[in-house]
């Protein structure tokens, strides 16, 4: 009895996202690398002064979470520094993110983690 095998190219059926360790797709949420249809936020489009200040706070939070060894998202922050720092890289690429992804890296969660680390 002969067997049949069907070869399927799964790369065309998977959602548009960067592979872990591959290049970052700056057109989608750089934190989760998923295009799930949710609205993306971009501080470069903000009217707050200074423009793009959201990049500064996010870069600081990413560094602190990384230093604590408690990254709430699967992200290698070393890939976010193209030589001039994380903030500069985010600004240069006009980085976008989902609100839900950004909330994982907020100041309150960071404060709680730092307090927990100090209590040990």
Protein backbone atom coordinates (compact mmCIF):
# COMPACT_ATOMS: atom_id res chain seq x y z
CA UNK A 1 0.00 0.00 0.00
CA UNK A 2 1.51 3.37 -0.97
CA UNK A 3 1.37 6.38 1.32
CA UNK A 4 0.60 9.90 0.27
CA UNK A 5 2.33 12.91 1.75
CA UNK A 6 1.20 16.44 1.33
CA UNK A 7 3.78 19.19 1.77
CA UNK A 8 2.39 22.42 3.12
CA UNK A 9 4.16 25.76 3.25
CA UNK A 10 3.09 27.03 6.68
CA UNK A 11 4.98 30.30 6.31
CA UNK A 12 2.21 31.66 4.10
CA UNK A 13 -0.57 30.68 6.50
CA UNK A 14 0.99 32.03 9.70
CA UNK A 15 0.17 35.54 10.87
CA UNK A 16 2.54 38.28 9.78
CA UNK A 17 5.12 38.31 12.57
CA UNK A 18 8.87 38.24 12.95
CA UNK A 19 10.53 35.04 14.01
CA UNK A 20 12.25 35.13 17.39
CA UNK A 21 15.79 36.32 16.76
CA UNK A 22 14.94 37.52 13.26
CA UNK A 23 14.70 41.15 12.22
CA UNK A 24 12.11 43.28 13.97
CA UNK A 25 9.10 44.16 11.86
CA UNK A 26 8.53 47.82 12.72
CA UNK A 27 5.21 47.92 10.86
CA UNK A 28 3.51 45.89 13.61
CA UNK A 29 3.72 45.96 17.42
CA UNK A 30 7.44 45.72 18.12
CA UNK A 31 6.77 44.27 21.59
CA UNK A 32 4.76 41.18 20.61
CA UNK A 33 5.52 41.14 16.86
CA UNK A 34 1.90 40.25 16.10
CA UNK A 35 -0.59 41.82 13.76
CA UNK A 36 -3.79 40.98 15.63
CA UNK A 37 -5.91 43.80 14.23
CA UNK A 38 -5.79 45.91 17.42
CA UNK A 39 -5.05 49.62 17.03
CA UNK A 40 -1.37 50.51 17.29
CA UNK A 41 -0.10 53.42 19.34
CA UNK A 42 2.77 55.57 18.10
CA UNK A 43 4.22 58.36 20.27
CA UNK A 44 5.63 60.01 17.15
CA UNK A 45 2.02 60.83 16.20
CA UNK A 46 1.29 62.33 19.63
CA UNK A 47 0.64 66.04 20.12
CA UNK A 48 2.16 65.97 23.60
CA UNK A 49 5.30 68.03 24.09
CA UNK A 50 8.00 66.87 23.75
CA UNK A 51 6.89 64.80 20.78
CA UNK A 52 7.75 61.14 21.17
CA UNK A 53 8.27 61.32 24.92
CA UNK A 54 6.53 57.93 25.20
CA UNK A 55 9.62 56.35 23.68
CA UNK A 56 11.80 57.64 26.51
CA UNK A 57 9.67 56.19 29.30
CA UNK A 58 9.22 52.88 27.50
CA UNK A 59 12.98 52.58 26.88
CA UNK A 60 13.65 53.24 30.57
CA UNK A 61 11.07 50.65 31.63
CA UNK A 62 12.45 48.04 29.24
CA UNK A 63 15.94 48.50 30.67
CA UNK A 64 14.73 48.27 34.28
CA UNK A 65 12.60 45.16 33.67
CA UNK A 66 15.57 43.58 31.90
CA UNK A 67 17.94 44.43 34.77
CA UNK A 68 15.50 42.80 37.21
CA UNK A 69 15.36 39.73 34.97
CA UNK A 70 11.57 40.00 34.82
CA UNK A 71 10.71 40.87 31.22
CA UNK A 72 6.90 40.52 30.90
CA UNK A 73 7.18 40.17 27.10
CA UNK A 74 9.36 37.85 25.03
CA UNK A 75 11.78 40.40 23.70
CA UNK A 76 15.56 40.58 23.51
CA UNK A 77 16.20 44.24 24.30
CA UNK A 78 19.71 43.98 22.91
CA UNK A 79 18.09 43.88 19.46
CA UNK A 80 16.54 47.29 20.18
CA UNK A 81 19.84 49.12 20.45
CA UNK A 82 21.29 49.95 17.06
CA UNK A 83 24.18 51.90 18.54
CA UNK A 84 22.62 55.05 19.99
CA UNK A 85 20.41 53.51 22.65
CA UNK A 86 16.96 51.97 22.76
CA UNK A 87 15.09 55.28 22.72
CA UNK A 88 16.93 56.44 19.57
CA UNK A 89 16.16 53.15 17.82
CA UNK A 90 12.46 53.37 18.71
CA UNK A 91 12.29 56.97 17.45
CA UNK A 92 14.19 56.17 14.25
CA UNK A 93 11.76 53.38 13.38
CA UNK A 94 8.65 55.21 14.66
CA UNK A 95 7.95 52.12 16.78
CA UNK A 96 4.32 51.14 17.35
CA UNK A 97 2.74 48.98 20.01
CA UNK A 98 -0.57 47.65 21.23
CA UNK A 99 -1.90 49.34 24.33
CA UNK A 100 -2.23 45.93 25.99
CA UNK A 101 1.45 45.17 25.31
CA UNK A 102 2.57 48.55 26.70
CA UNK A 103 0.51 48.01 29.86
CA UNK A 104 2.65 44.97 30.67
CA UNK A 105 5.58 47.37 31.05
CA UNK A 106 3.97 50.13 33.11
CA UNK A 107 5.46 51.98 36.08
CA UNK A 108 3.17 50.37 38.66
CA UNK A 109 4.26 46.84 37.68
CA UNK A 110 7.88 47.96 37.70
CA UNK A 111 7.53 49.51 41.17
CA UNK A 112 5.98 46.29 42.51
CA UNK A 113 8.80 44.20 41.07
CA UNK A 114 11.45 46.49 42.53
CA UNK A 115 9.75 46.41 45.93
CA UNK A 116 9.57 42.61 45.77
CA UNK A 117 13.28 42.39 44.88
CA UNK A 118 14.22 44.72 47.78
CA UNK A 119 12.15 42.64 50.24
CA UNK A 120 14.18 39.51 49.46
